[in-house]
């Protein structure tokens, strides 16, 4: 089976879209980064290295220090799919991130986005 194109896409090429989506709605890059840190366990220095190296999504998630244990609390529809029902684990993680950025852009409070 052929890999989905997003798996080999560099995280750095999509990251500006996350920032842009948030900033258009009055949110900040720092909030986007906080979501990424929460979901993956990366820190600021590690994220910058990923961006500089143009790391692909597959590697980005495979090397994540710690996928947050509260991802099971992320539910809802993104791109026409219920995130909790996506069978491919890598695609599910990518859609989790999409969903969290979407919630940020829709004005949800960070406490709710981060499932605290």
N, C-alpha and C. Protein backbone atom coordinates (compact mmCIF):
# COMPACT_ATOMS: atom_id res chain seq x y z
N UNK A 1 0.83 -1.18 0.00
CA UNK A 1 0.00 0.00 0.00
C UNK A 1 0.88 1.25 0.00
N UNK A 2 0.56 2.19 -0.83
CA UNK A 2 1.33 3.41 -0.96
C UNK A 2 1.06 4.35 0.22
N UNK A 3 2.13 5.00 0.69
CA UNK A 3 1.99 5.95 1.79
C UNK A 3 1.19 7.16 1.35
N UNK A 4 0.41 7.69 2.27
CA UNK A 4 -0.31 8.93 1.99
C UNK A 4 0.71 10.05 1.83
N UNK A 5 0.44 10.96 0.95
CA UNK A 5 1.37 12.06 0.64
C UNK A 5 1.73 12.89 1.87
N UNK A 6 0.79 13.08 2.79
CA UNK A 6 1.06 13.91 3.97
C UNK A 6 2.17 13.30 4.83
N UNK A 7 2.32 11.97 4.82
CA UNK A 7 3.34 11.31 5.64
C UNK A 7 4.75 11.76 5.26
N UNK A 8 4.95 12.01 3.98
CA UNK A 8 6.29 12.39 3.50
C UNK A 8 6.43 13.90 3.30
N UNK A 9 5.38 14.64 3.62
CA UNK A 9 5.43 16.10 3.52
C UNK A 9 6.20 16.63 4.73
N UNK A 10 7.01 17.65 4.50
CA UNK A 10 7.77 18.19 5.62
C UNK A 10 6.84 18.96 6.56
N UNK A 11 7.07 18.77 7.84
CA UNK A 11 6.28 19.49 8.85
C UNK A 11 6.47 21.00 8.66
N UNK A 12 7.68 21.40 8.29
CA UNK A 12 7.98 22.82 8.10
C UNK A 12 7.14 23.46 7.00
N UNK A 13 6.70 22.67 6.03
CA UNK A 13 5.89 23.23 4.94
C UNK A 13 4.44 23.46 5.36
N UNK A 14 3.99 22.76 6.40
CA UNK A 14 2.61 22.89 6.87
C UNK A 14 2.52 23.84 8.07
N UNK A 15 3.57 23.88 8.85
CA UNK A 15 3.61 24.70 10.06
C UNK A 15 3.16 26.15 9.83
N UNK A 16 3.64 26.83 8.78
CA UNK A 16 3.18 28.21 8.56
C UNK A 16 1.66 28.32 8.35
N UNK A 17 1.06 27.27 7.81
CA UNK A 17 -0.39 27.26 7.63
C UNK A 17 -1.11 27.19 8.97
N UNK A 18 -0.55 26.41 9.90
CA UNK A 18 -1.11 26.35 11.26
C UNK A 18 -1.05 27.75 11.89
N UNK A 19 0.10 28.39 11.77
CA UNK A 19 0.30 29.73 12.35
C UNK A 19 -0.67 30.72 11.71
N UNK A 20 -0.74 30.70 10.39
CA UNK A 20 -1.61 31.61 9.65
C UNK A 20 -3.07 31.44 10.05
N UNK A 21 -3.51 30.19 10.14
CA UNK A 21 -4.90 29.91 10.51
C UNK A 21 -5.21 30.48 11.90
N UNK A 22 -4.29 30.32 12.83
CA UNK A 22 -4.48 30.82 14.19
C UNK A 22 -4.46 32.35 14.22
N UNK A 23 -3.48 32.94 13.55
CA UNK A 23 -3.32 34.40 13.59
C UNK A 23 -4.48 35.13 12.92
N UNK A 24 -5.06 34.52 11.88
CA UNK A 24 -6.23 35.12 11.22
C UNK A 24 -7.39 35.28 12.20
N UNK A 25 -7.42 34.43 13.21
CA UNK A 25 -8.51 34.44 14.19
C UNK A 25 -8.08 35.08 15.51
N UNK A 26 -6.95 35.80 15.48
CA UNK A 26 -6.51 36.52 16.67
C UNK A 26 -5.75 35.69 17.68
N UNK A 27 -5.33 34.51 17.30
CA UNK A 27 -4.53 33.67 18.20
C UNK A 27 -3.07 33.84 17.83
N UNK A 28 -2.17 33.18 18.56
CA UNK A 28 -0.73 33.43 18.39
C UNK A 28 0.06 32.18 18.01
N UNK A 29 1.26 32.44 17.50
CA UNK A 29 2.19 31.36 17.20
C UNK A 29 2.53 30.60 18.48
N UNK A 30 2.66 31.32 19.58
CA UNK A 30 2.98 30.70 20.86
C UNK A 30 1.91 29.69 21.26
N UNK A 31 0.65 30.02 20.98
CA UNK A 31 -0.43 29.08 21.29
C UNK A 31 -0.35 27.83 20.40
N UNK A 32 -0.04 28.03 19.13
CA UNK A 32 0.15 26.90 18.22
C UNK A 32 1.29 26.02 18.74
N UNK A 33 2.39 26.64 19.11
CA UNK A 33 3.54 25.89 19.62
C UNK A 33 3.18 25.14 20.90
N UNK A 34 2.42 25.77 21.78
CA UNK A 34 1.99 25.12 23.02
C UNK A 34 1.19 23.85 22.72
N UNK A 35 0.32 23.93 21.72
CA UNK A 35 -0.45 22.75 21.31
C UNK A 35 0.48 21.65 20.81
N UNK A 36 1.45 22.02 19.98
CA UNK A 36 2.40 21.04 19.45
C UNK A 36 3.20 20.41 20.59
N UNK A 37 3.67 21.22 21.53
CA UNK A 37 4.43 20.69 22.67
C UNK A 37 3.57 19.74 23.49
N UNK A 38 2.32 20.12 23.72
CA UNK A 38 1.40 19.30 24.52
C UNK A 38 1.15 17.95 23.84
N UNK A 39 0.91 17.99 22.53
CA UNK A 39 0.58 16.76 21.80
C UNK A 39 1.78 15.83 21.67
N UNK A 40 2.96 16.37 21.43
CA UNK A 40 4.12 15.55 21.06
C UNK A 40 5.21 15.41 22.12
N UNK A 41 5.26 16.34 23.06
CA UNK A 41 6.34 16.32 24.04
C UNK A 41 7.59 17.04 23.58
N UNK A 42 7.59 17.57 22.34
CA UNK A 42 8.73 18.36 21.89
C UNK A 42 8.80 19.66 22.69
N UNK A 43 10.00 20.27 22.70
CA UNK A 43 10.14 21.59 23.29
C UNK A 43 10.52 22.59 22.20
N UNK A 44 10.72 23.83 22.57
CA UNK A 44 10.99 24.89 21.59
C UNK A 44 12.22 24.59 20.74
N UNK A 45 13.29 24.18 21.37
CA UNK A 45 14.55 23.89 20.67
C UNK A 45 14.38 22.72 19.69
N UNK A 46 13.70 21.67 20.14
CA UNK A 46 13.49 20.49 19.30
C UNK A 46 12.58 20.83 18.11
N UNK A 47 11.55 21.63 18.36
CA UNK A 47 10.65 22.03 17.28
C UNK A 47 11.41 22.83 16.22
N UNK A 48 12.26 23.74 16.67
CA UNK A 48 13.03 24.54 15.72
C UNK A 48 13.94 23.65 14.87
N UNK A 49 14.53 22.63 15.47
CA UNK A 49 15.39 21.70 14.74
C UNK A 49 14.58 20.96 13.67
N UNK A 50 13.36 20.55 14.02
CA UNK A 50 12.47 19.87 13.07
C UNK A 50 12.16 20.78 11.89
N UNK A 51 11.89 22.04 12.18
CA UNK A 51 11.59 23.01 11.13
C UNK A 51 12.82 23.25 10.25
N UNK A 52 13.97 23.40 10.88
CA UNK A 52 15.22 23.64 10.14
C UNK A 52 15.59 22.46 9.25
N UNK A 53 15.35 21.25 9.75
CA UNK A 53 15.73 20.03 9.01
C UNK A 53 14.67 19.58 8.01
N UNK A 54 13.53 20.28 8.00
CA UNK A 54 12.42 19.92 7.11
C UNK A 54 12.00 18.45 7.30
N UNK A 55 11.90 18.08 8.56
CA UNK A 55 11.51 16.72 8.96
C UNK A 55 10.10 16.42 8.45
N UNK A 56 9.90 15.21 7.91
CA UNK A 56 8.55 14.86 7.42
C UNK A 56 7.64 14.46 8.58
N UNK A 57 6.34 14.43 8.31
CA UNK A 57 5.35 14.12 9.34
C UNK A 57 5.58 12.75 9.96
N UNK A 58 5.94 11.77 9.14
CA UNK A 58 6.15 10.42 9.65
C UNK A 58 7.24 10.42 10.71
N UNK A 59 8.37 11.06 10.42
CA UNK A 59 9.48 11.14 11.36
C UNK A 59 9.12 12.03 12.54
N UNK A 60 8.42 13.14 12.27
CA UNK A 60 7.99 14.07 13.32
C UNK A 60 7.25 13.32 14.42
N UNK A 61 6.30 12.49 14.06
CA UNK A 61 5.53 11.75 15.06
C UNK A 61 6.28 10.52 15.58
N UNK A 62 7.04 9.86 14.72
CA UNK A 62 7.78 8.66 15.15
C UNK A 62 8.82 9.02 16.22
N UNK A 63 9.41 10.20 16.12
CA UNK A 63 10.46 10.61 17.05
C UNK A 63 9.94 11.52 18.17
N UNK A 64 8.64 11.73 18.23
CA UNK A 64 8.07 12.58 19.28
C UNK A 64 8.43 12.01 20.64
N UNK A 65 8.93 12.86 21.54
CA UNK A 65 9.34 12.37 22.85
C UNK A 65 8.22 11.67 23.63
N UNK A 66 6.99 12.18 23.56
CA UNK A 66 5.90 11.60 24.33
C UNK A 66 4.56 12.08 23.78
N UNK A 67 3.86 11.21 23.07
CA UNK A 67 2.51 11.58 22.62
C UNK A 67 1.63 11.66 23.87
N UNK A 68 0.93 12.75 24.01
CA UNK A 68 0.14 12.99 25.21
C UNK A 68 -0.88 11.88 25.44
N UNK A 69 -0.96 11.44 26.67
CA UNK A 69 -1.88 10.34 27.02
C UNK A 69 -3.35 10.77 26.94
N UNK A 70 -3.62 12.06 26.88
CA UNK A 70 -4.99 12.54 26.79
C UNK A 70 -5.51 12.67 25.36
N UNK A 71 -4.80 12.12 24.39
CA UNK A 71 -5.28 12.20 23.01
C UNK A 71 -6.61 11.47 22.84
N UNK A 72 -6.89 10.52 23.72
CA UNK A 72 -8.16 9.81 23.64
C UNK A 72 -9.34 10.75 23.90
N UNK A 73 -9.07 11.89 24.49
CA UNK A 73 -10.12 12.88 24.76
C UNK A 73 -10.39 13.78 23.56
N UNK A 74 -9.56 13.66 22.52
CA UNK A 74 -9.76 14.47 21.31
C UNK A 74 -10.79 13.74 20.44
N UNK A 75 -11.93 14.38 20.25
CA UNK A 75 -12.99 13.78 19.45
C UNK A 75 -13.55 14.82 18.50
N UNK A 76 -14.30 14.35 17.53
CA UNK A 76 -14.93 15.26 16.59
C UNK A 76 -14.51 14.97 15.16
N UNK A 77 -14.98 15.83 14.27
CA UNK A 77 -14.76 15.64 12.84
C UNK A 77 -13.75 16.64 12.32
N UNK A 78 -12.83 16.14 11.52
CA UNK A 78 -11.87 17.00 10.81
C UNK A 78 -11.69 16.40 9.42
N UNK A 79 -11.79 17.22 8.42
CA UNK A 79 -11.67 16.77 7.02
C UNK A 79 -12.66 15.63 6.70
N UNK A 80 -13.81 15.67 7.33
CA UNK A 80 -14.85 14.68 7.05
C UNK A 80 -14.70 13.36 7.77
N UNK A 81 -13.71 13.24 8.65
CA UNK A 81 -13.47 12.00 9.39
C UNK A 81 -13.56 12.25 10.88
N UNK A 82 -14.16 11.30 11.60
CA UNK A 82 -14.14 11.37 13.07
C UNK A 82 -12.74 10.97 13.52
N UNK A 83 -12.05 11.86 14.20
CA UNK A 83 -10.65 11.59 14.56
C UNK A 83 -10.48 10.36 15.43
N UNK A 84 -11.46 10.09 16.27
CA UNK A 84 -11.34 8.93 17.16
C UNK A 84 -11.53 7.61 16.44
N UNK A 85 -12.00 7.65 15.19
CA UNK A 85 -12.24 6.42 14.43
C UNK A 85 -11.20 6.16 13.33
N UNK A 86 -10.24 7.03 13.18
CA UNK A 86 -9.21 6.86 12.14
C UNK A 86 -8.32 5.68 12.53
N UNK A 87 -8.23 4.69 11.66
CA UNK A 87 -7.51 3.45 11.97
C UNK A 87 -6.00 3.59 11.86
N UNK A 88 -5.51 4.30 10.84
CA UNK A 88 -4.06 4.48 10.68
C UNK A 88 -3.58 5.42 11.79
N UNK A 89 -2.72 4.92 12.66
CA UNK A 89 -2.29 5.68 13.84
C UNK A 89 -1.54 6.96 13.48
N UNK A 90 -0.72 6.93 12.43
CA UNK A 90 -0.02 8.13 12.03
C UNK A 90 -1.00 9.18 11.51
N UNK A 91 -1.92 8.76 10.66
CA UNK A 91 -2.93 9.69 10.15
C UNK A 91 -3.77 10.24 11.30
N UNK A 92 -4.06 9.41 12.27
CA UNK A 92 -4.85 9.86 13.42
C UNK A 92 -4.10 10.96 14.18
N UNK A 93 -2.80 10.79 14.39
CA UNK A 93 -2.01 11.80 15.10
C UNK A 93 -1.99 13.12 14.32
N UNK A 94 -1.85 13.02 13.00
CA UNK A 94 -1.85 14.21 12.16
C UNK A 94 -3.20 14.91 12.28
N UNK A 95 -4.27 14.15 12.24
CA UNK A 95 -5.62 14.73 12.35
C UNK A 95 -5.89 15.26 13.75
N UNK A 96 -5.30 14.64 14.77
CA UNK A 96 -5.41 15.21 16.13
C UNK A 96 -4.84 16.62 16.13
N UNK A 97 -3.66 16.78 15.53
CA UNK A 97 -3.04 18.10 15.48
C UNK A 97 -3.91 19.07 14.70
N UNK A 98 -4.43 18.63 13.55
CA UNK A 98 -5.34 19.47 12.77
C UNK A 98 -6.53 19.91 13.60
N UNK A 99 -7.11 18.98 14.34
CA UNK A 99 -8.30 19.24 15.15
C UNK A 99 -7.99 20.27 16.24
N UNK A 100 -6.85 20.13 16.89
CA UNK A 100 -6.48 21.05 17.96
C UNK A 100 -6.25 22.46 17.41
N UNK A 101 -5.60 22.57 16.26
CA UNK A 101 -5.37 23.88 15.63
C UNK A 101 -6.71 24.48 15.21
N UNK A 102 -7.60 23.64 14.73
CA UNK A 102 -8.95 24.08 14.34
C UNK A 102 -9.69 24.65 15.56
N UNK A 103 -9.60 23.95 16.68
CA UNK A 103 -10.26 24.42 17.89
C UNK A 103 -9.68 25.76 18.34
N UNK A 104 -8.37 25.92 18.22
CA UNK A 104 -7.72 27.18 18.55
C UNK A 104 -8.28 28.31 17.69
N UNK A 105 -8.35 28.06 16.38
CA UNK A 105 -8.84 29.07 15.44
C UNK A 105 -10.32 29.40 15.67
N UNK A 106 -11.05 28.45 16.24
CA UNK A 106 -12.47 28.69 16.51
C UNK A 106 -12.70 29.40 17.85
N UNK A 107 -11.61 29.72 18.54
CA UNK A 107 -11.72 30.51 19.76
C UNK A 107 -11.84 29.74 21.05
N UNK A 108 -11.66 28.44 21.02
CA UNK A 108 -11.74 27.66 22.26
C UNK A 108 -10.63 28.09 23.22
N UNK A 109 -10.92 27.99 24.50
CA UNK A 109 -9.92 28.30 25.53
C UNK A 109 -8.84 27.23 25.51
N UNK A 110 -7.60 27.64 25.79
CA UNK A 110 -6.47 26.70 25.78
C UNK A 110 -6.69 25.53 26.76
N UNK A 111 -7.32 25.79 27.91
CA UNK A 111 -7.55 24.71 28.87
C UNK A 111 -8.41 23.60 28.26
N UNK A 112 -9.38 24.01 27.46
CA UNK A 112 -10.26 23.02 26.80
C UNK A 112 -9.52 22.31 25.67
N UNK A 113 -8.74 23.07 24.90
CA UNK A 113 -7.98 22.48 23.80
C UNK A 113 -6.99 21.43 24.33
N UNK A 114 -6.35 21.75 25.45
CA UNK A 114 -5.33 20.87 26.01
C UNK A 114 -5.92 19.82 26.95
N UNK A 115 -7.27 19.74 26.94
CA UNK A 115 -7.98 18.70 27.69
C UNK A 115 -7.57 18.65 29.16
N UNK A 116 -7.50 19.83 29.80
CA UNK A 116 -7.13 19.88 31.22
C UNK A 116 -8.33 20.12 32.10
